[in-house]
């Protein structure tokens, strides 16, 4: 291929096509490698996620309510995150957080 005979636009188009081809090739090779590793792990009685530690996920327990709205005891707050309006208003009126504790 004679690159000197191509215009700038044709060269840039060719460059773009080459970049896409390289990216596609790398992605294809990664998928092939992953499939091969998964097959090998399965043959040995494991999943790839077990071997790499990807299967281990940290589970958080739901937060426990610490404070209750004095006007409505069903309205609670765990003490995490943004303060609810009722909590802020009660503090502004002079209430102590301990007085709203559950």
C-alpha atoms as a PDB file:
ATOM      1  CA  UNK A   1       0.000   0.000   0.000  1.00  0.00           C
ATOM      2  CA  UNK A   2       1.433   3.347  -1.058  1.00  0.00           C
ATOM      3  CA  UNK A   3       0.762   5.732   1.845  1.00  0.00           C
ATOM      4  CA  UNK A   4       2.291   8.660  -0.049  1.00  0.00           C
ATOM      5  CA  UNK A   5      -0.495   8.457  -2.641  1.00  0.00           C
ATOM      6  CA  UNK A   6      -3.259   8.800  -0.004  1.00  0.00           C
ATOM      7  CA  UNK A   7      -4.828  12.111   0.994  1.00  0.00           C
ATOM      8  CA  UNK A   8      -4.812  13.341   4.608  1.00  0.00           C
ATOM      9  CA  UNK A   9      -8.476  12.347   5.011  1.00  0.00           C
ATOM     10  CA  UNK A  10      -7.789   8.847   3.709  1.00  0.00           C
ATOM     11  CA  UNK A  11      -4.808   8.489   6.025  1.00  0.00           C
ATOM     12  CA  UNK A  12      -6.866   9.588   9.040  1.00  0.00           C
ATOM     13  CA  UNK A  13      -9.654   7.178   8.079  1.00  0.00           C
ATOM     14  CA  UNK A  14      -7.099   4.395   7.790  1.00  0.00           C
ATOM     15  CA  UNK A  15      -5.631   5.339  11.173  1.00  0.00           C
ATOM     16  CA  UNK A  16      -9.103   5.196  12.740  1.00  0.00           C
ATOM     17  CA  UNK A  17      -9.769   1.785  11.202  1.00  0.00           C
ATOM     18  CA  UNK A  18      -6.432   0.466  12.468  1.00  0.00           C
ATOM     19  CA  UNK A  19      -7.147   1.734  16.010  1.00  0.00           C
ATOM     20  CA  UNK A  20     -10.557   0.005  15.970  1.00  0.00           C
ATOM     21  CA  UNK A  21      -9.012  -3.209  14.652  1.00  0.00           C
ATOM     22  CA  UNK A  22      -6.366  -3.189  17.396  1.00  0.00           C
ATOM     23  CA  UNK A  23      -8.973  -2.582  20.090  1.00  0.00           C
ATOM     24  CA  UNK A  24     -11.190  -5.354  18.713  1.00  0.00           C
ATOM     25  CA  UNK A  25      -8.247  -7.737  18.581  1.00  0.00           C
ATOM     26  CA  UNK A  26      -7.302  -7.049  22.203  1.00  0.00           C
ATOM     27  CA  UNK A  27     -10.894  -7.504  23.368  1.00  0.00           C
ATOM     28  CA  UNK A  28     -11.205 -10.758  21.438  1.00  0.00           C
ATOM     29  CA  UNK A  29      -7.952 -12.107  22.922  1.00  0.00           C
ATOM     30  CA  UNK A  30      -9.085 -11.184  26.444  1.00  0.00           C
ATOM     31  CA  UNK A  31     -12.407 -13.014  25.949  1.00  0.00           C
ATOM     32  CA  UNK A  32     -10.572 -16.073  24.623  1.00  0.00           C
ATOM     33  CA  UNK A  33      -8.172 -16.072  27.574  1.00  0.00           C
ATOM     34  CA  UNK A  34     -11.029 -15.672  30.046  1.00  0.00           C
ATOM     35  CA  UNK A  35     -12.979 -18.531  28.454  1.00  0.00           C
ATOM     36  CA  UNK A  36      -9.884 -20.758  28.565  1.00  0.00           C
ATOM     37  CA  UNK A  37      -9.257 -19.943  32.231  1.00  0.00           C
ATOM     38  CA  UNK A  38     -12.902 -20.537  33.157  1.00  0.00           C
ATOM     39  CA  UNK A  39     -12.817 -23.898  31.399  1.00  0.00           C
ATOM     40  CA  UNK A  40      -9.629 -24.915  33.216  1.00  0.00           C
ATOM     41  CA  UNK A  41     -11.057 -23.850  36.599  1.00  0.00           C
ATOM     42  CA  UNK A  42     -14.310 -25.711  35.902  1.00  0.00           C
ATOM     43  CA  UNK A  43     -12.309 -28.851  34.995  1.00  0.00           C
ATOM     44  CA  UNK A  44     -10.653 -28.634  38.411  1.00  0.00           C
ATOM     45  CA  UNK A  45     -13.994 -28.196  40.205  1.00  0.00           C
ATOM     46  CA  UNK A  46     -13.895 -24.457  40.831  1.00  0.00           C
ATOM     47  CA  UNK A  47     -15.322 -21.333  39.334  1.00  0.00           C
ATOM     48  CA  UNK A  48     -12.965 -18.633  38.167  1.00  0.00           C
ATOM     49  CA  UNK A  49     -14.657 -16.180  40.526  1.00  0.00           C
ATOM     50  CA  UNK A  50     -13.826 -18.447  43.486  1.00  0.00           C
ATOM     51  CA  UNK A  51     -10.184 -18.636  42.501  1.00  0.00           C
ATOM     52  CA  UNK A  52      -9.761 -14.911  41.908  1.00  0.00           C
ATOM     53  CA  UNK A  53     -11.708 -13.830  44.976  1.00  0.00           C
ATOM     54  CA  UNK A  54     -14.321 -12.045  42.882  1.00  0.00           C
ATOM     55  CA  UNK A  55     -17.065 -14.178  44.412  1.00  0.00           C
ATOM     56  CA  UNK A  56     -16.394 -12.786  47.866  1.00  0.00           C
ATOM     57  CA  UNK A  57     -18.593  -9.771  48.375  1.00  0.00           C
ATOM     58  CA  UNK A  58     -18.882  -7.744  51.518  1.00  0.00           C
ATOM     59  CA  UNK A  59     -22.435  -7.622  52.724  1.00  0.00           C
ATOM     60  CA  UNK A  60     -23.541  -4.823  54.969  1.00  0.00           C
ATOM     61  CA  UNK A  61     -26.200  -5.382  57.511  1.00  0.00           C
ATOM     62  CA  UNK A  62     -28.990  -2.855  57.485  1.00  0.00           C
ATOM     63  CA  UNK A  63     -28.400  -0.008  59.891  1.00  0.00           C
ATOM     64  CA  UNK A  64     -30.370  -0.062  63.111  1.00  0.00           C
ATOM     65  CA  UNK A  65     -32.544   2.900  64.000  1.00  0.00           C
ATOM     66  CA  UNK A  66     -31.098   4.983  66.846  1.00  0.00           C
ATOM     67  CA  UNK A  67     -33.468   7.952  66.955  1.00  0.00           C
ATOM     68  CA  UNK A  68     -37.234   8.307  66.691  1.00  0.00           C
ATOM     69  CA  UNK A  69     -39.310  11.341  65.817  1.00  0.00           C
ATOM     70  CA  UNK A  70     -41.059  12.492  69.030  1.00  0.00           C
ATOM     71  CA  UNK A  71     -44.203  13.328  67.043  1.00  0.00           C
ATOM     72  CA  UNK A  72     -44.284  10.033  65.140  1.00  0.00           C
ATOM     73  CA  UNK A  73     -42.392   7.091  66.651  1.00  0.00           C
ATOM     74  CA  UNK A  74     -42.560   5.191  63.334  1.00  0.00           C
ATOM     75  CA  UNK A  75     -40.337   7.885  61.774  1.00  0.00           C
ATOM     76  CA  UNK A  76     -36.796   6.809  62.663  1.00  0.00           C
ATOM     77  CA  UNK A  77     -33.188   7.625  61.764  1.00  0.00           C
ATOM     78  CA  UNK A  78     -30.077   5.469  62.132  1.00  0.00           C
ATOM     79  CA  UNK A  79     -27.705   8.355  62.803  1.00  0.00           C
ATOM     80  CA  UNK A  80     -25.987   7.814  59.437  1.00  0.00           C
ATOM     81  CA  UNK A  81     -26.202  10.114  56.477  1.00  0.00           C
ATOM     82  CA  UNK A  82     -28.035  13.388  56.288  1.00  0.00           C
ATOM     83  CA  UNK A  83     -30.055  14.395  59.337  1.00  0.00           C
ATOM     84  CA  UNK A  84     -33.813  14.283  58.801  1.00  0.00           C
ATOM     85  CA  UNK A  85     -35.679  17.553  59.036  1.00  0.00           C
ATOM     86  CA  UNK A  86     -37.538  16.526  62.180  1.00  0.00           C
ATOM     87  CA  UNK A  87     -34.211  15.774  63.924  1.00  0.00           C
ATOM     88  CA  UNK A  88     -32.657  19.110  62.923  1.00  0.00           C
ATOM     89  CA  UNK A  89     -35.773  21.022  63.971  1.00  0.00           C
ATOM     90  CA  UNK A  90     -35.844  19.278  67.351  1.00  0.00           C
ATOM     91  CA  UNK A  91     -32.175  20.165  67.930  1.00  0.00           C
ATOM     92  CA  UNK A  92     -32.900  23.788  66.980  1.00  0.00           C
ATOM     93  CA  UNK A  93     -35.698  23.860  69.575  1.00  0.00           C
ATOM     94  CA  UNK A  94     -33.222  22.783  72.245  1.00  0.00           C
ATOM     95  CA  UNK A  95     -33.858  19.042  72.432  1.00  0.00           C
ATOM     96  CA  UNK A  96     -30.886  16.796  73.058  1.00  0.00           C
ATOM     97  CA  UNK A  97     -30.188  13.836  70.751  1.00  0.00           C
ATOM     98  CA  UNK A  98     -30.310  11.541  73.781  1.00  0.00           C
ATOM     99  CA  UNK A  99     -33.957  12.523  74.388  1.00  0.00           C
ATOM    100  CA  UNK A 100     -34.876  11.153  70.928  1.00  0.00           C
ATOM    101  CA  UNK A 101     -32.814   7.974  71.251  1.00  0.00           C
ATOM    102  CA  UNK A 102     -34.653   4.688  70.993  1.00  0.00           C
END
